[in-house]
Protein backbone atom coordinates (compact mmCIF):
# COMPACT_ATOMS: atom_id res chain seq x y z
CA MET A 1 71.08 178.54 27.21
CA TRP A 2 70.01 178.68 30.85
CA LEU A 3 68.02 175.47 30.45
CA GLY A 4 71.08 173.84 28.91
CA LEU A 5 73.19 174.86 31.89
CA LEU A 6 70.53 173.95 34.42
CA ALA A 7 69.89 170.41 33.11
CA PRO A 8 73.30 168.96 34.11
CA VAL A 9 73.07 170.64 37.52
CA LEU A 10 69.65 169.10 38.13
CA LEU A 11 70.88 165.71 36.94
CA VAL A 12 73.91 165.74 39.25
CA GLY A 13 71.83 167.08 42.15
CA SER A 14 69.24 164.36 41.76
CA GLY A 15 72.05 161.83 41.54
CA LEU A 16 73.42 162.97 44.89
CA LEU A 17 69.99 162.81 46.52
CA LEU A 18 68.91 159.52 44.96
CA ALA A 19 72.25 157.72 44.63
CA ASP A 20 71.19 154.58 46.50
CA HIS A 21 68.10 154.23 44.30
CA LEU A 22 69.87 154.96 41.01
CA THR A 23 72.54 152.33 41.55
CA PRO A 24 71.37 148.80 40.62
CA PRO A 25 70.94 146.71 43.80
CA ALA A 26 73.39 143.96 44.70
CA THR A 27 71.16 140.91 44.42
CA GLY A 28 73.79 138.19 44.08
CA ALA A 29 73.76 135.26 46.51
CA PRO A 30 76.92 135.09 48.66
CA SER A 31 79.55 132.55 47.67
CA HIS A 32 83.12 131.90 48.72
CA ALA A 33 86.35 130.30 47.54
CA LEU A 34 86.20 126.51 47.50
CA PRO A 35 88.60 124.73 49.88
CA VAL A 36 91.78 123.27 48.39
CA GLU A 37 92.52 119.55 48.51
CA ASP A 38 95.74 117.56 48.54
CA ALA A 39 95.13 115.72 45.29
CA GLY A 40 91.66 116.65 44.08
CA THR A 41 92.72 118.34 40.83
CA THR A 42 95.73 118.45 38.54
CA LEU A 43 96.79 121.77 40.08
CA ASP A 44 96.43 120.28 43.57
CA ARG A 45 98.75 117.42 42.61
CA GLU A 46 101.30 119.75 41.00
CA VAL A 47 101.36 122.50 43.62
CA ALA A 48 100.63 120.82 46.98
CA PRO A 49 103.92 118.82 47.14
CA LEU A 50 105.97 121.94 46.35
CA VAL A 51 104.24 124.00 49.03
CA ARG A 52 104.63 121.23 51.63
CA ARG A 53 108.30 120.94 50.81
CA GLU A 54 108.79 124.69 51.28
CA GLN A 55 107.05 124.60 54.70
CA GLY A 56 104.65 127.46 54.26
CA ARG A 57 106.62 129.71 51.96
CA THR A 58 105.03 131.18 48.83
CA GLY A 59 106.50 130.51 45.40
CA VAL A 60 106.82 133.45 43.00
CA LEU A 61 107.46 133.61 39.26
CA LEU A 62 107.85 136.91 37.40
CA LEU A 63 105.79 137.16 34.21
CA SER A 64 107.34 140.00 32.22
CA ASP A 65 106.84 138.46 28.78
CA GLY A 66 103.38 138.83 27.26
CA LEU A 67 103.37 135.34 25.74
CA ASP A 68 104.31 133.79 29.08
CA ALA A 69 101.60 135.81 30.81
CA PHE A 70 98.95 134.55 28.38
CA ALA A 71 100.23 130.97 28.65
CA ALA A 72 100.10 131.04 32.47
CA ARG A 73 96.44 132.02 32.39
CA ALA A 74 95.42 129.62 29.63
CA THR A 75 97.35 126.69 31.11
CA SER A 76 95.99 127.19 34.60
CA ALA A 77 92.45 127.37 33.19
CA ARG A 78 92.98 124.09 31.35
CA LYS A 79 94.40 122.37 34.42
CA ALA A 80 91.81 123.75 36.84
CA GLY A 81 89.40 121.14 38.14
CA ARG A 82 87.56 123.01 40.89
CA SER A 83 87.32 126.79 40.46
CA LEU A 84 88.39 129.84 38.50
CA ASP A 85 87.98 133.22 40.24
CA LEU A 86 88.87 136.13 37.95
CA GLN A 87 88.77 139.87 38.65
CA TYR A 88 89.60 142.47 35.97
CA TYR A 89 89.26 146.14 35.13
CA ILE A 90 89.31 145.45 31.36
CA TRP A 91 88.54 142.30 29.37
CA ASN A 92 88.68 143.24 25.70
CA ASP A 93 86.59 141.59 23.02
CA ASP A 94 89.63 140.80 20.89
CA LEU A 95 91.78 137.79 19.99
CA THR A 96 93.24 137.08 23.42
CA GLY A 97 90.04 138.04 25.22
CA GLY A 98 88.14 135.54 23.08
CA LEU A 99 90.72 132.80 23.51
CA LEU A 100 90.66 133.10 27.29
CA ALA A 101 86.85 133.33 27.36
CA ARG A 102 86.87 130.06 25.41
CA GLU A 103 89.05 128.52 28.13
CA LEU A 104 86.53 129.63 30.76
CA TYR A 105 83.71 127.96 28.87
CA ALA A 106 85.72 124.76 28.42
CA ALA A 107 86.51 124.71 32.15
CA ALA A 108 82.83 125.19 33.04
CA GLU A 109 81.92 122.31 30.73
CA ARG A 110 84.29 120.11 32.80
CA GLY A 111 82.45 121.09 35.98
CA VAL A 112 84.73 123.92 37.12
CA ARG A 113 82.94 126.76 38.93
CA VAL A 114 83.77 130.02 37.15
CA ARG A 115 83.24 133.38 38.84
CA LEU A 116 84.15 136.41 36.72
CA LEU A 117 84.07 139.92 38.19
CA LEU A 118 84.48 142.85 35.80
CA ASP A 119 84.48 146.59 36.24
CA ASP A 120 81.48 147.85 34.28
CA LEU A 121 83.08 151.01 32.86
CA ASN A 122 84.73 149.05 30.03
CA THR A 123 81.98 146.52 29.22
CA ARG A 124 79.96 148.81 26.96
CA GLY A 125 78.79 146.88 23.90
CA LEU A 126 79.98 143.54 25.32
CA ASP A 127 76.82 142.58 27.20
CA PRO A 128 75.58 140.05 24.60
CA LYS A 129 78.71 137.91 24.88
CA TRP A 130 78.99 138.11 28.66
CA VAL A 131 75.27 137.55 29.20
CA ALA A 132 75.45 134.51 26.91
CA LEU A 133 78.33 132.98 28.87
CA ASP A 134 76.60 133.79 32.14
CA ALA A 135 73.74 131.54 30.99
CA HIS A 136 76.01 128.53 31.46
CA PRO A 137 75.18 126.90 34.83
CA GLY A 138 78.87 126.79 35.76
CA ILE A 139 79.63 130.45 34.98
CA GLU A 140 78.52 133.52 36.90
CA ILE A 141 79.51 137.04 35.88
CA ARG A 142 79.14 140.08 38.10
CA LEU A 143 79.83 143.76 37.45
CA TYR A 144 81.40 146.30 39.77
CA ASN A 145 79.54 149.61 40.15
CA PRO A 146 77.43 148.98 37.04
CA PHE A 147 75.33 151.27 34.91
CA ARG A 148 71.61 150.64 35.13
CA ASN A 149 71.26 151.85 31.53
CA ARG A 150 73.33 149.58 29.32
CA GLU A 151 73.40 151.45 25.99
CA GLY A 152 72.65 154.66 24.15
CA VAL A 153 71.91 158.17 25.32
CA TRP A 154 70.43 157.04 28.64
CA ARG A 155 73.78 155.56 29.62
CA LEU A 156 75.34 158.98 28.99
CA VAL A 157 72.60 160.65 31.03
CA GLU A 158 73.25 158.24 33.87
CA MET A 159 76.97 158.99 33.70
CA VAL A 160 76.22 162.70 34.21
CA GLN A 161 73.65 162.03 36.93
CA ARG A 162 75.90 159.64 38.88
CA VAL A 163 79.13 161.48 38.05
CA PHE A 164 80.49 161.30 41.60
CA SER A 165 79.64 157.66 42.27
CA ILE A 166 80.35 156.32 38.76
CA ASN A 167 83.85 157.82 38.99
CA HIS A 168 84.97 155.10 41.42
CA ARG A 169 86.18 152.03 39.56
CA MET A 170 87.63 148.60 40.36
CA HIS A 171 91.16 148.55 38.93
CA ASN A 172 92.09 145.18 40.50
CA LYS A 173 93.59 142.35 38.43
CA ALA A 174 93.63 138.77 39.69
CA TRP A 175 93.44 135.29 38.13
CA ILE A 176 93.00 132.50 40.71
CA ALA A 177 92.83 128.82 39.72
CA ASP A 178 91.64 126.10 42.14
CA GLY A 179 92.73 128.30 45.05
CA ARG A 180 96.21 126.94 44.26
CA LEU A 181 97.79 129.64 42.12
CA ALA A 182 97.13 133.32 41.61
CA ILE A 183 98.34 135.76 38.97
CA VAL A 184 98.38 139.31 40.32
CA GLY A 185 99.87 142.36 38.65
CA GLY A 186 99.28 145.07 36.09
CA ARG A 187 97.82 143.22 33.10
CA ASN A 188 94.25 143.47 31.94
CA ILE A 189 92.95 141.00 29.35
CA GLY A 190 93.67 142.23 25.83
CA GLU A 191 95.98 141.82 22.85
CA GLU A 192 98.27 144.69 23.82
CA TYR A 193 99.05 142.99 27.15
CA PHE A 194 99.92 139.60 25.65
CA ALA A 195 102.19 140.45 22.69
CA ALA A 196 99.34 139.86 20.23
CA ASP A 197 98.79 143.40 18.91
CA PRO A 198 101.00 144.30 15.90
CA ASP A 199 100.77 148.01 16.69
CA VAL A 200 100.84 148.33 20.50
CA ASN A 201 102.91 146.38 23.00
CA PHE A 202 102.44 147.12 26.69
CA ARG A 203 105.53 146.42 28.79
CA ASP A 204 103.87 144.89 31.82
CA LEU A 205 104.51 142.63 34.80
CA ASP A 206 102.57 140.02 36.77
CA LEU A 207 103.57 137.78 39.64
CA LEU A 208 102.44 134.15 39.58
CA LEU A 209 102.00 132.96 43.17
CA PHE A 210 101.49 129.50 44.65
CA GLY A 211 101.38 128.86 48.37
CA PRO A 212 99.88 130.69 51.36
CA ALA A 213 99.63 134.09 49.62
CA VAL A 214 97.07 132.64 47.19
CA GLU A 215 94.58 132.35 50.06
CA GLN A 216 94.93 136.11 50.61
CA ALA A 217 94.12 136.75 46.95
CA SER A 218 91.07 134.48 47.24
CA SER A 219 89.88 136.35 50.34
CA ILE A 220 90.17 139.66 48.48
CA PHE A 221 88.18 138.25 45.58
CA ASP A 222 85.43 137.01 47.92
CA ARG A 223 85.27 140.40 49.61
CA PHE A 224 84.60 142.08 46.27
CA TRP A 225 82.34 139.35 44.92
CA ASN A 226 80.02 139.60 47.93
CA SER A 227 80.20 143.40 48.17
CA ASP A 228 77.12 145.57 47.77
CA ALA A 229 79.04 147.38 45.02
CA VAL A 230 78.74 144.31 42.79
CA VAL A 231 75.69 143.25 40.75
CA PRO A 232 75.09 140.01 38.80
CA ILE A 233 74.94 140.69 35.09
CA ALA A 234 71.81 138.49 34.99
CA ALA A 235 70.03 141.17 37.05
CA LEU A 236 70.62 143.65 34.24
CA HIS A 237 69.94 141.37 31.28
CA ALA A 238 68.08 138.16 30.46
CA SER A 239 69.67 135.42 28.36
CA THR A 240 68.84 132.15 26.69
CA GLY A 241 70.65 128.94 25.87
CA ARG A 242 70.43 129.89 22.19
CA GLU A 243 72.57 132.97 22.81
CA LEU A 244 75.09 130.84 24.69
CA GLN A 245 75.37 128.46 21.76
CA ARG A 246 75.94 131.31 19.31
CA ALA A 247 78.61 132.83 21.58
CA VAL A 248 80.44 129.51 21.90
CA GLU A 249 80.35 128.98 18.14
CA GLY A 250 81.87 132.44 17.70
CA LEU A 251 84.66 131.67 20.17
CA GLU A 252 85.44 128.41 18.35
CA ARG A 253 85.64 130.17 14.98
CA GLU A 254 87.95 132.78 16.46
CA ALA A 255 90.25 130.10 17.92
CA ARG A 256 90.69 128.63 14.40
CA SER A 257 91.14 131.98 12.66
CA GLU A 258 94.15 133.05 10.62
CA ARG A 259 95.29 135.29 13.45
CA ALA A 260 94.78 132.82 16.28
CA VAL A 261 96.73 129.86 14.91
CA PRO A 262 100.13 131.60 14.49
CA TYR A 263 99.67 133.42 17.80
CA LEU A 264 99.03 130.18 19.69
CA GLN A 265 102.08 128.66 18.00
CA ARG A 266 104.16 131.55 19.37
CA VAL A 267 102.70 130.94 22.82
CA VAL A 268 103.60 127.24 22.73
CA THR A 269 107.22 128.06 21.92
CA SER A 270 107.59 130.81 24.53
CA ARG A 271 110.38 130.44 27.09
CA GLY A 272 107.95 130.10 29.96
CA VAL A 273 105.98 127.29 28.34
CA ILE A 274 109.13 125.42 27.36
CA GLY A 275 110.51 125.85 30.87
CA TYR A 276 107.26 124.66 32.42
CA HIS A 277 107.19 121.45 30.41
CA ALA A 278 110.90 120.88 31.03
CA ARG A 279 110.35 121.48 34.77
CA SER A 280 113.20 123.99 34.66
CA LEU A 281 111.37 127.04 36.05
CA GLU A 282 112.96 128.23 39.29
CA PRO A 283 110.53 130.21 41.45
CA PHE A 284 111.53 132.46 44.31
CA TRP A 285 110.37 131.10 47.66
CA THR A 286 109.63 133.52 50.47
CA ALA A 287 107.58 133.71 53.65
CA ARG A 288 107.66 137.53 53.73
CA ILE A 289 105.02 138.23 51.12
CA GLY A 290 101.37 139.27 51.08
CA VAL A 291 98.56 140.24 48.72
CA LEU A 292 96.82 143.48 49.68
CA SER A 293 93.90 145.43 48.27
CA ASP A 294 91.76 148.48 48.83
CA PRO A 295 88.29 147.64 50.20
CA PRO A 296 85.44 147.40 47.66
CA ARG A 297 83.79 150.56 49.00
CA LYS A 298 87.06 152.42 49.18
CA THR A 299 85.90 155.98 49.70
CA SER A 300 83.49 155.07 52.49
CA THR A 301 86.13 153.31 54.61
CA ASN A 302 88.95 154.53 56.81
CA ARG A 303 92.12 155.36 54.89
CA ASP A 304 94.06 153.02 57.18
CA GLN A 305 92.38 150.16 55.29
CA TRP A 306 93.62 151.39 51.92
CA LEU A 307 96.62 150.06 50.00
CA LEU A 308 98.31 153.47 49.85
CA PRO A 309 99.49 153.59 53.51
CA ALA A 310 101.43 150.34 53.05
CA LEU A 311 103.20 151.73 49.99
CA LEU A 312 103.96 155.06 51.67
CA SER A 313 105.38 153.24 54.69
CA MET A 314 107.69 151.28 52.43
CA LEU A 315 108.88 154.47 50.75
CA ARG A 316 109.35 156.41 54.00
CA ASN A 317 111.50 153.62 55.42
CA ALA A 318 113.90 153.70 52.47
CA ARG A 319 117.54 154.12 53.49
CA GLU A 320 119.57 153.55 50.33
CA SER A 321 117.59 153.34 47.10
CA VAL A 322 114.14 153.50 45.51
CA GLN A 323 113.28 152.37 41.99
CA LEU A 324 109.71 153.25 41.05
CA THR A 325 108.00 152.17 37.82
CA SER A 326 104.63 153.69 36.96
CA PRO A 327 103.09 154.22 33.50
CA TYR A 328 100.85 157.01 34.78
CA PHE A 329 102.97 159.02 37.18
CA VAL A 330 101.41 162.12 38.73
CA PRO A 331 103.06 162.52 42.15
CA GLY A 332 101.32 165.74 43.17
CA GLU A 333 102.94 168.30 45.43
CA ALA A 334 102.94 166.00 48.47
CA GLY A 335 104.42 163.08 46.54
CA THR A 336 107.07 165.27 44.95
CA GLU A 337 108.01 166.67 48.35
CA GLY A 338 108.25 163.16 49.76
CA LEU A 339 110.54 161.93 46.98
CA LEU A 340 112.77 164.98 47.27
CA GLY A 341 112.91 164.41 51.02
CA LEU A 342 114.27 160.92 50.38
CA VAL A 343 116.99 162.30 48.10
CA ALA A 344 117.89 164.88 50.75
CA ARG A 345 118.43 161.98 53.19
CA GLY A 346 120.87 160.36 50.77
CA VAL A 347 118.47 157.89 49.15
CA GLU A 348 119.03 157.21 45.45
CA VAL A 349 115.61 157.67 43.75
CA GLY A 350 114.90 156.58 40.18
CA ILE A 351 111.60 156.74 38.31
CA ALA A 352 110.61 154.99 35.08
CA THR A 353 107.48 156.19 33.31
CA ASN A 354 106.14 156.77 29.80
CA SER A 355 107.31 159.42 27.39
CA LEU A 356 104.53 161.43 25.81
CA ALA A 357 104.78 159.42 22.59
CA ALA A 358 104.53 156.14 24.53
CA ASN A 359 101.73 157.22 26.86
CA ASP A 360 98.33 155.83 25.86
CA VAL A 361 96.63 158.53 28.00
CA PRO A 362 98.22 161.91 27.13
CA ALA A 363 95.92 163.66 29.60
CA VAL A 364 97.86 161.89 32.37
CA HIS A 365 101.12 163.09 30.84
CA SER A 366 99.78 166.63 31.09
CA GLY A 367 99.48 166.17 34.85
CA TYR A 368 102.98 164.70 35.12
CA MET A 369 104.84 167.31 33.07
CA LYS A 370 104.94 170.05 35.67
CA TYR A 371 106.65 167.81 38.24
CA ARG A 372 109.63 166.87 36.07
CA GLU A 373 111.70 169.97 36.71
CA PRO A 374 111.28 169.97 40.52
CA LEU A 375 112.13 166.27 40.67
CA LEU A 376 115.21 166.66 38.49
CA ARG A 377 116.41 169.75 40.38
CA GLY A 378 116.07 167.77 43.59
CA GLY A 379 118.26 164.92 42.34
CA VAL A 380 115.72 162.32 41.20
CA ASP A 381 116.76 160.18 38.20
CA LEU A 382 114.02 160.20 35.57
CA TYR A 383 113.56 157.87 32.60
CA GLU A 384 110.82 157.89 29.96
CA LEU A 385 110.04 154.85 27.82
CA ARG A 386 110.70 155.17 24.12
CA ALA A 387 107.84 154.60 21.67
CA GLU A 388 108.53 152.38 18.68
CA ALA A 389 106.45 154.68 16.49
CA THR A 390 105.46 158.31 16.68
CA HIS A 391 102.08 159.68 17.64
CA GLU A 392 101.48 161.06 14.15
CA GLY A 393 97.84 160.44 13.32
CA ALA A 394 96.96 159.21 16.80
CA GLY A 395 94.34 160.87 18.96
CA LEU A 396 94.50 162.03 22.54
CA ILE A 397 93.49 158.63 23.90
CA GLY A 398 95.52 156.25 21.75
CA SER A 399 99.16 155.37 21.13
CA ARG A 400 101.06 153.19 18.72
CA GLY A 401 104.23 151.27 19.52
CA ALA A 402 105.66 150.50 22.94
CA SER A 403 103.91 151.66 26.08
CA LEU A 404 104.84 151.09 29.70
CA HIS A 405 102.16 149.47 31.87
CA THR A 406 104.22 147.97 34.71
CA LYS A 407 103.48 149.21 38.23
CA ALA A 408 106.31 148.26 40.57
CA LEU A 409 108.46 149.51 43.41
CA VAL A 410 111.82 148.33 44.81
CA VAL A 411 113.21 149.73 48.06
CA ASP A 412 116.76 149.20 49.37
CA ASP A 413 117.20 146.15 47.12
CA ARG A 414 115.13 144.22 49.63
CA SER A 415 111.42 145.03 49.66
CA GLY A 416 109.04 145.77 46.84
CA PHE A 417 105.61 145.85 45.26
CA VAL A 418 104.01 144.65 42.01
CA GLY A 419 100.36 145.31 41.27
CA SER A 420 97.73 147.55 39.72
CA PHE A 421 98.57 150.75 41.63
CA ASN A 422 99.67 153.71 39.50
CA PHE A 423 101.37 156.46 41.44
CA ASP A 424 98.71 159.02 40.60
CA PRO A 425 95.67 160.59 42.32
CA ARG A 426 93.20 158.18 40.72
CA SER A 427 94.89 155.10 42.14
CA ALA A 428 95.45 156.83 45.46
CA ASN A 429 91.92 158.15 46.03
CA LEU A 430 89.33 156.94 43.50
CA ASN A 431 89.94 153.44 42.13
CA THR A 432 90.33 150.23 44.11
CA GLU A 433 93.78 148.72 43.64
CA MET A 434 95.59 145.55 44.66
CA GLY A 435 99.05 144.07 44.53
CA VAL A 436 101.80 141.98 46.09
CA LEU A 437 104.12 143.37 48.76
CA PHE A 438 107.25 141.45 49.74
CA ASP A 439 110.43 141.66 51.78
CA ASP A 440 112.95 139.38 50.08
CA PRO A 441 116.39 140.35 48.66
CA ALA A 442 116.39 137.76 45.86
CA LEU A 443 112.96 138.77 44.58
CA ALA A 444 113.88 142.45 44.94
CA ALA A 445 117.04 141.86 42.87
CA ALA A 446 114.97 140.30 40.09
CA LEU A 447 112.56 143.23 40.16
CA ARG A 448 115.43 145.70 40.08
CA ARG A 449 116.78 143.93 36.98
CA GLU A 450 113.41 144.55 35.35
CA TYR A 451 113.72 148.24 36.24
CA GLU A 452 117.26 148.39 34.84
CA ARG A 453 116.12 146.70 31.64
CA LEU A 454 113.32 149.25 31.23
CA THR A 455 115.63 152.22 31.88
CA ALA A 456 118.46 151.03 29.61
CA PRO A 457 119.16 153.31 26.60
CA ALA A 458 117.53 150.85 24.19
CA GLN A 459 114.24 151.18 26.08
CA SER A 460 114.14 154.68 27.58
CA TYR A 461 115.36 158.24 27.33
CA ARG A 462 117.17 159.70 30.32
CA VAL A 463 115.61 163.06 31.15
CA TYR A 464 117.81 165.78 32.63
CA LEU A 465 118.10 169.55 33.05
CA ALA A 466 120.46 171.43 30.77
CA GLU A 467 122.62 174.32 31.95
CA ASP A 468 120.02 176.77 30.69
CA GLY A 469 117.43 175.09 32.93
CA GLY A 470 115.53 173.49 30.07
CA LEU A 471 114.52 169.84 29.83
CA ARG A 472 116.60 167.51 27.68
CA TRP A 473 116.15 163.87 26.63
CA HIS A 474 119.32 161.83 26.19
CA ASP A 475 119.01 159.37 23.30
CA GLY A 476 121.73 156.80 23.95
CA VAL A 477 120.80 154.64 20.98
CA ALA A 478 121.56 157.21 18.28
CA THR A 479 125.02 157.18 16.70
CA PRO A 480 126.47 159.35 18.02
CA PRO A 481 124.23 159.81 21.09
CA ARG A 482 122.12 162.95 20.84
CA GLU A 483 120.30 165.35 23.13
CA LEU A 484 116.69 166.27 22.32
CA ASP A 485 115.06 169.49 23.52
CA SER A 486 111.39 168.52 23.02
CA GLU A 487 109.18 165.52 23.79
CA PRO A 488 110.74 162.82 21.60
CA GLY A 489 108.56 161.11 19.03
CA ALA A 490 105.54 163.31 19.72
CA SER A 491 104.05 165.51 17.02
CA PRO A 492 103.84 169.29 17.52
CA TRP A 493 100.04 168.98 17.65
CA LEU A 494 100.18 166.38 20.43
CA ARG A 495 102.72 168.41 22.42
CA ALA A 496 100.53 171.51 22.15
CA ALA A 497 97.31 169.68 23.00
CA THR A 498 98.92 168.03 26.03
CA ARG A 499 100.19 171.36 27.28
CA VAL A 500 96.69 172.84 26.99
CA LEU A 501 95.29 169.88 28.95
CA GLY A 502 97.81 170.71 31.65
CA TRP A 503 96.11 174.08 32.19
CA LEU A 504 92.81 172.43 33.11
CA PRO A 505 91.96 171.45 36.72
CA LEU A 506 92.10 167.71 35.99
CA GLU A 507 94.83 166.46 38.27
CA SER A 508 92.57 164.92 40.92
CA GLN A 509 90.98 162.73 38.22
CA LEU A 510 94.23 161.53 36.62
């Protein structure tokens, strides 16, 4: 027993002493975003005249529909003629992940330089496909904070040994084509983000940018790409042209599969695609916009360089209203106090988050639960997204039905934020995050409409305190409307398990 207890302690201790030697070295050659041209590529010819006409303002399109979000990425990859710089926390090996990987390969075959940066926590088991694509001379794949041991028990041992360093992940999401347009927001790459999963649909939001703000996104990408926290996947694995050929053949088969064909037909008929071809899309144009990010080595830099201070400043300056949308909402005591302080000053504060049944990470819900009553007593409006199906039969890490994944903030119907930042301790202190901050009434109004759509009775329950002090969920869809006194849609087992999780000292990791 003592040996069993001592082994993890020795592993973690050796990890602290030998951290620099245990982490794979960053051996990648530096590279940077390629300069844009006036008419060098199709995207140059489409975007440059618009940007010149708007005299330095950035164009913004909201991508709230999953089909539109997929189409924007696939279309920009097809039209790219110079570069694709992509940065993601998750890239699933599923239908949409395969379809977009196929677009990357096709772009590289045309001579486009493809740089793909992935967080390594979610690449387990995917090395063969990524290593194969990395063998293409036009594609380079790098991993953020990677495991030296790629599979099996030694990967688990490394996770224990490097528990403190491996806990810091890159949560950024960015898709940059030809340095001309950038898609920044909350979506990872996977079926649930692009309306392709029949069981799970994440309600998410990206901003498509074209204009000066794209250069900021490119600079952030370069900063990460050339960071000593990033390692080329080729340094961890060897590959051959034969493996590349097999991977490409697999992607082609998947693109012709029974699932892919009807999905791509849905994409072609989406409102965004139709509007794009009809030239009827109307972007917002603003000069008061910027793309910000945490530094790659977040915890070893001054907090003034983090994204969090900019968001806190926006909140503290609120005078009239705040609408906050966060799928994983764990405000902590300081955050709760700050929100209640806003209400005390006369600011209307509303929060949209997941119900327990809609939350794909119930452990996070366990950290959120204890802050509901103080927030409601202090006058905060609280809404929880409805799930389309119950959690019956689901485990602690999975959900079925609708799930909120949008991370957004609107202040005083004027300024706002859309990005990867969850209002929880993990986003604040552990993971790197990025997003778009703006000061523009028209864009803020559009973002507020998204909030109002999410908090409407058809989408969410309104949570309130009953006269007896207990929590209630108002179901405005039922006929007649009804009041629920327990977590709606969640099984007794899930409610009990989540409450037990809430007793554990996990909040700093949520």
